[in-house]
């Protein structure tokens, strides 16, 4: 007898092409909502070693791609917010390796893997210790007003930490 496992909620928009030129608001949470990246004191984020690695890996995202930039980000104690912008490709690389898809799932997957790899190598975390929850949350930014709202949310997130949906002591 086979029992039916619960289905995970679909996080991505059905049939949306996440490689499209545009801006995306991304939220990535830590495993079990643990305050793994540091703490907020007096409205300022104080990152620990793991949080500094997370921040460093965000800064490494754009150099990996010709047409991707991180416009704004914040590393909070138990989550990361960022605005990822996919720009029109400036050049076409004719090599077979250029067939790699540059889309939001690929970008975020490489980011999460980079943090995990660096943390395990430098901080000697157990191979069984998860850093991230499975998946991430995304919002396709529709216009300039939406973009500015997300930018401001990232700016204000540390100051409003105790009011945040992700807040844990």
C-alpha atoms as a PDB file:
ATOM      1  CA  UNK A   1       0.000   0.000   0.000  1.00  0.00           C
ATOM      2  CA  UNK A   2       1.401   3.353  -1.044  1.00  0.00           C
ATOM      3  CA  UNK A   3       0.641   6.457   1.026  1.00  0.00           C
ATOM      4  CA  UNK A   4       0.332   9.766  -0.761  1.00  0.00           C
ATOM      5  CA  UNK A   5       2.868  12.336   0.388  1.00  0.00           C
ATOM      6  CA  UNK A   6       1.740  15.954   0.819  1.00  0.00           C
ATOM      7  CA  UNK A   7       2.454  18.167  -2.172  1.00  0.00           C
ATOM      8  CA  UNK A   8       4.681  21.200  -1.668  1.00  0.00           C
ATOM      9  CA  UNK A   9       3.122  24.524  -2.576  1.00  0.00           C
ATOM     10  CA  UNK A  10       4.330  25.779  -5.951  1.00  0.00           C
ATOM     11  CA  UNK A  11       6.447  28.888  -5.360  1.00  0.00           C
ATOM     12  CA  UNK A  12       7.123  29.999  -8.945  1.00  0.00           C
ATOM     13  CA  UNK A  13       4.556  31.564 -11.259  1.00  0.00           C
ATOM     14  CA  UNK A  14       3.217  28.898 -13.575  1.00  0.00           C
ATOM     15  CA  UNK A  15       4.531  29.245 -17.127  1.00  0.00           C
ATOM     16  CA  UNK A  16       6.510  32.423 -16.330  1.00  0.00           C
ATOM     17  CA  UNK A  17       9.938  32.694 -17.977  1.00  0.00           C
ATOM     18  CA  UNK A  18      12.328  33.621 -15.151  1.00  0.00           C
ATOM     19  CA  UNK A  19      15.088  34.329 -17.676  1.00  0.00           C
ATOM     20  CA  UNK A  20      13.199  37.395 -18.937  1.00  0.00           C
ATOM     21  CA  UNK A  21      14.809  40.805 -18.707  1.00  0.00           C
ATOM     22  CA  UNK A  22      13.478  42.488 -15.582  1.00  0.00           C
ATOM     23  CA  UNK A  23      13.804  42.955 -11.839  1.00  0.00           C
ATOM     24  CA  UNK A  24      12.969  40.326  -9.237  1.00  0.00           C
ATOM     25  CA  UNK A  25      12.561  40.691  -5.457  1.00  0.00           C
ATOM     26  CA  UNK A  26      13.946  37.561  -3.821  1.00  0.00           C
ATOM     27  CA  UNK A  27      13.694  36.345  -0.216  1.00  0.00           C
ATOM     28  CA  UNK A  28      15.713  33.339   0.913  1.00  0.00           C
ATOM     29  CA  UNK A  29      15.183  31.981   4.437  1.00  0.00           C
ATOM     30  CA  UNK A  30      17.503  30.002   6.650  1.00  0.00           C
ATOM     31  CA  UNK A  31      16.748  26.417   7.615  1.00  0.00           C
ATOM     32  CA  UNK A  32      14.035  26.340  10.297  1.00  0.00           C
ATOM     33  CA  UNK A  33      14.160  30.155  10.532  1.00  0.00           C
ATOM     34  CA  UNK A  34      17.320  29.977  12.623  1.00  0.00           C
ATOM     35  CA  UNK A  35      19.092  33.284  13.282  1.00  0.00           C
ATOM     36  CA  UNK A  36      22.188  31.920  11.553  1.00  0.00           C
ATOM     37  CA  UNK A  37      23.581  35.158  10.102  1.00  0.00           C
ATOM     38  CA  UNK A  38      23.864  37.381  13.166  1.00  0.00           C
ATOM     39  CA  UNK A  39      21.560  39.752  15.007  1.00  0.00           C
ATOM     40  CA  UNK A  40      20.010  43.205  14.804  1.00  0.00           C
ATOM     41  CA  UNK A  41      21.079  45.750  17.421  1.00  0.00           C
ATOM     42  CA  UNK A  42      19.607  49.255  17.505  1.00  0.00           C
ATOM     43  CA  UNK A  43      18.258  48.875  13.975  1.00  0.00           C
ATOM     44  CA  UNK A  44      21.615  47.754  12.540  1.00  0.00           C
ATOM     45  CA  UNK A  45      22.444  44.260  11.294  1.00  0.00           C
ATOM     46  CA  UNK A  46      25.517  42.795  13.021  1.00  0.00           C
ATOM     47  CA  UNK A  47      26.619  39.884  10.866  1.00  0.00           C
ATOM     48  CA  UNK A  48      28.506  36.920  12.240  1.00  0.00           C
ATOM     49  CA  UNK A  49      30.984  34.875  10.147  1.00  0.00           C
ATOM     50  CA  UNK A  50      28.209  32.987   8.351  1.00  0.00           C
ATOM     51  CA  UNK A  51      26.378  36.240   7.624  1.00  0.00           C
ATOM     52  CA  UNK A  52      29.546  37.808   6.222  1.00  0.00           C
ATOM     53  CA  UNK A  53      29.973  34.816   3.900  1.00  0.00           C
ATOM     54  CA  UNK A  54      26.359  35.200   2.783  1.00  0.00           C
ATOM     55  CA  UNK A  55      26.962  38.880   2.039  1.00  0.00           C
ATOM     56  CA  UNK A  56      30.222  38.155   0.226  1.00  0.00           C
ATOM     57  CA  UNK A  57      28.515  35.575  -1.988  1.00  0.00           C
ATOM     58  CA  UNK A  58      25.834  38.119  -2.938  1.00  0.00           C
ATOM     59  CA  UNK A  59      28.617  40.418  -4.115  1.00  0.00           C
ATOM     60  CA  UNK A  60      29.974  37.513  -6.205  1.00  0.00           C
ATOM     61  CA  UNK A  61      26.692  36.959  -8.080  1.00  0.00           C
ATOM     62  CA  UNK A  62      26.949  39.736 -10.699  1.00  0.00           C
ATOM     63  CA  UNK A  63      30.558  39.011 -11.764  1.00  0.00           C
ATOM     64  CA  UNK A  64      29.499  35.456 -12.728  1.00  0.00           C
ATOM     65  CA  UNK A  65      27.069  36.715 -15.377  1.00  0.00           C
ATOM     66  CA  UNK A  66      27.345  39.286 -18.162  1.00  0.00           C
ATOM     67  CA  UNK A  67      23.775  40.465 -17.766  1.00  0.00           C
ATOM     68  CA  UNK A  68      22.905  40.119 -14.060  1.00  0.00           C
ATOM     69  CA  UNK A  69      23.236  42.650 -11.287  1.00  0.00           C
ATOM     70  CA  UNK A  70      22.175  42.844  -7.674  1.00  0.00           C
ATOM     71  CA  UNK A  71      20.674  46.314  -7.228  1.00  0.00           C
ATOM     72  CA  UNK A  72      19.987  46.109  -3.503  1.00  0.00           C
ATOM     73  CA  UNK A  73      20.229  43.526  -0.742  1.00  0.00           C
ATOM     74  CA  UNK A  74      20.201  42.993   2.980  1.00  0.00           C
ATOM     75  CA  UNK A  75      21.341  39.990   5.001  1.00  0.00           C
ATOM     76  CA  UNK A  76      19.098  39.673   8.044  1.00  0.00           C
ATOM     77  CA  UNK A  77      19.591  37.217  10.946  1.00  0.00           C
ATOM     78  CA  UNK A  78      17.409  34.504   9.354  1.00  0.00           C
ATOM     79  CA  UNK A  79      16.811  35.580   5.773  1.00  0.00           C
ATOM     80  CA  UNK A  80      18.196  37.487   2.820  1.00  0.00           C
ATOM     81  CA  UNK A  81      16.360  39.966   0.594  1.00  0.00           C
ATOM     82  CA  UNK A  82      17.723  41.058  -2.764  1.00  0.00           C
ATOM     83  CA  UNK A  83      16.668  42.743  -5.954  1.00  0.00           C
ATOM     84  CA  UNK A  84      18.111  40.776  -8.870  1.00  0.00           C
ATOM     85  CA  UNK A  85      18.061  42.448 -12.278  1.00  0.00           C
ATOM     86  CA  UNK A  86      18.444  40.500 -15.500  1.00  0.00           C
ATOM     87  CA  UNK A  87      19.545  42.860 -18.265  1.00  0.00           C
ATOM     88  CA  UNK A  88      19.605  42.237 -22.020  1.00  0.00           C
ATOM     89  CA  UNK A  89      22.627  40.129 -22.981  1.00  0.00           C
ATOM     90  CA  UNK A  90      25.397  42.321 -24.380  1.00  0.00           C
ATOM     91  CA  UNK A  91      27.185  39.588 -26.288  1.00  0.00           C
ATOM     92  CA  UNK A  92      26.494  36.079 -27.436  1.00  0.00           C
ATOM     93  CA  UNK A  93      29.135  33.509 -26.585  1.00  0.00           C
ATOM     94  CA  UNK A  94      29.260  30.912 -29.380  1.00  0.00           C
ATOM     95  CA  UNK A  95      30.873  28.269 -27.178  1.00  0.00           C
ATOM     96  CA  UNK A  96      28.752  25.248 -26.173  1.00  0.00           C
ATOM     97  CA  UNK A  97      29.062  26.235 -22.493  1.00  0.00           C
ATOM     98  CA  UNK A  98      27.006  29.345 -23.290  1.00  0.00           C
ATOM     99  CA  UNK A  99      23.929  27.105 -23.426  1.00  0.00           C
ATOM    100  CA  UNK A 100      23.600  27.431 -19.650  1.00  0.00           C
ATOM    101  CA  UNK A 101      20.338  29.122 -18.808  1.00  0.00           C
ATOM    102  CA  UNK A 102      20.652  32.386 -16.926  1.00  0.00           C
ATOM    103  CA  UNK A 103      17.456  32.606 -14.946  1.00  0.00           C
ATOM    104  CA  UNK A 104      16.394  33.317 -11.386  1.00  0.00           C
ATOM    105  CA  UNK A 105      16.332  29.647 -10.252  1.00  0.00           C
ATOM    106  CA  UNK A 106      19.867  29.150 -11.623  1.00  0.00           C
ATOM    107  CA  UNK A 107      21.185  32.378 -10.060  1.00  0.00           C
ATOM    108  CA  UNK A 108      19.655  31.673  -6.634  1.00  0.00           C
ATOM    109  CA  UNK A 109      20.720  28.010  -6.728  1.00  0.00           C
ATOM    110  CA  UNK A 110      24.327  28.987  -7.420  1.00  0.00           C
ATOM    111  CA  UNK A 111      24.199  31.635  -4.681  1.00  0.00           C
ATOM    112  CA  UNK A 112      22.873  29.210  -2.064  1.00  0.00           C
ATOM    113  CA  UNK A 113      25.365  26.533  -3.120  1.00  0.00           C
ATOM    114  CA  UNK A 114      28.225  29.048  -2.976  1.00  0.00           C
ATOM    115  CA  UNK A 115      27.328  30.083   0.571  1.00  0.00           C
ATOM    116  CA  UNK A 116      26.988  26.459   1.676  1.00  0.00           C
ATOM    117  CA  UNK A 117      30.283  25.415   0.059  1.00  0.00           C
ATOM    118  CA  UNK A 118      32.199  28.368   1.531  1.00  0.00           C
ATOM    119  CA  UNK A 119      30.692  27.914   4.994  1.00  0.00           C
ATOM    120  CA  UNK A 120      31.503  24.209   5.073  1.00  0.00           C
ATOM    121  CA  UNK A 121      35.045  24.820   3.827  1.00  0.00           C
ATOM    122  CA  UNK A 122      35.938  27.806   6.032  1.00  0.00           C
ATOM    123  CA  UNK A 123      33.768  27.364   9.131  1.00  0.00           C
ATOM    124  CA  UNK A 124      33.845  23.559   9.077  1.00  0.00           C
ATOM    125  CA  UNK A 125      30.077  23.145   9.408  1.00  0.00           C
ATOM    126  CA  UNK A 126      28.899  19.568   9.525  1.00  0.00           C
ATOM    127  CA  UNK A 127      27.904  18.145   6.165  1.00  0.00           C
ATOM    128  CA  UNK A 128      24.552  17.370   7.774  1.00  0.00           C
ATOM    129  CA  UNK A 129      23.868  20.954   8.879  1.00  0.00           C
ATOM    130  CA  UNK A 130      21.459  22.694   6.530  1.00  0.00           C
ATOM    131  CA  UNK A 131      21.853  26.434   6.084  1.00  0.00           C
ATOM    132  CA  UNK A 132      18.878  27.181   3.823  1.00  0.00           C
ATOM    133  CA  UNK A 133      15.245  26.234   3.701  1.00  0.00           C
ATOM    134  CA  UNK A 134      14.270  24.505   0.478  1.00  0.00           C
ATOM    135  CA  UNK A 135      13.278  26.998  -2.207  1.00  0.00           C
ATOM    136  CA  UNK A 136      12.917  30.752  -1.963  1.00  0.00           C
ATOM    137  CA  UNK A 137      10.249  33.391  -2.436  1.00  0.00           C
ATOM    138  CA  UNK A 138      10.186  35.620  -5.495  1.00  0.00           C
ATOM    139  CA  UNK A 139       8.203  38.576  -6.718  1.00  0.00           C
ATOM    140  CA  UNK A 140       8.402  39.807 -10.295  1.00  0.00           C
ATOM    141  CA  UNK A 141       8.776  43.568 -10.027  1.00  0.00           C
ATOM    142  CA  UNK A 142       6.182  45.056 -12.350  1.00  0.00           C
ATOM    143  CA  UNK A 143       7.004  48.776 -12.539  1.00  0.00           C
ATOM    144  CA  UNK A 144       9.059  51.592 -11.020  1.00  0.00           C
ATOM    145  CA  UNK A 145       6.650  52.121  -8.107  1.00  0.00           C
ATOM    146  CA  UNK A 146       6.874  48.429  -7.198  1.00  0.00           C
ATOM    147  CA  UNK A 147      10.671  48.565  -7.556  1.00  0.00           C
ATOM    148  CA  UNK A 148      10.964  51.575  -5.244  1.00  0.00           C
ATOM    149  CA  UNK A 149       8.632  49.938  -2.693  1.00  0.00           C
ATOM    150  CA  UNK A 150      10.875  46.816  -2.602  1.00  0.00           C
ATOM    151  CA  UNK A 151      14.038  48.960  -2.423  1.00  0.00           C
ATOM    152  CA  UNK A 152      12.616  50.872   0.544  1.00  0.00           C
ATOM    153  CA  UNK A 153      11.515  47.629   2.216  1.00  0.00           C
ATOM    154  CA  UNK A 154      15.108  46.331   2.026  1.00  0.00           C
ATOM    155  CA  UNK A 155      16.450  49.651   3.362  1.00  0.00           C
ATOM    156  CA  UNK A 156      14.024  49.666   6.297  1.00  0.00           C
ATOM    157  CA  UNK A 157      14.131  45.954   7.133  1.00  0.00           C
ATOM    158  CA  UNK A 158      16.806  46.166   9.881  1.00  0.00           C
ATOM    159  CA  UNK A 159      15.103  49.111  11.613  1.00  0.00           C
ATOM    160  CA  UNK A 160      11.763  47.273  11.590  1.00  0.00           C
ATOM    161  CA  UNK A 161      13.180  43.868  12.528  1.00  0.00           C
ATOM    162  CA  UNK A 162      10.893  43.235  15.492  1.00  0.00           C
ATOM    163  CA  UNK A 163       7.862  43.923  13.252  1.00  0.00           C
ATOM    164  CA  UNK A 164       9.152  41.655  10.457  1.00  0.00           C
ATOM    165  CA  UNK A 165       7.245  38.511   9.483  1.00  0.00           C
ATOM    166  CA  UNK A 166      10.502  36.555   9.809  1.00  0.00           C
ATOM    167  CA  UNK A 167      11.422  37.950  13.249  1.00  0.00           C
ATOM    168  CA  UNK A 168      12.486  35.443  15.887  1.00  0.00           C
ATOM    169  CA  UNK A 169      14.304  36.083  19.133  1.00  0.00           C
END
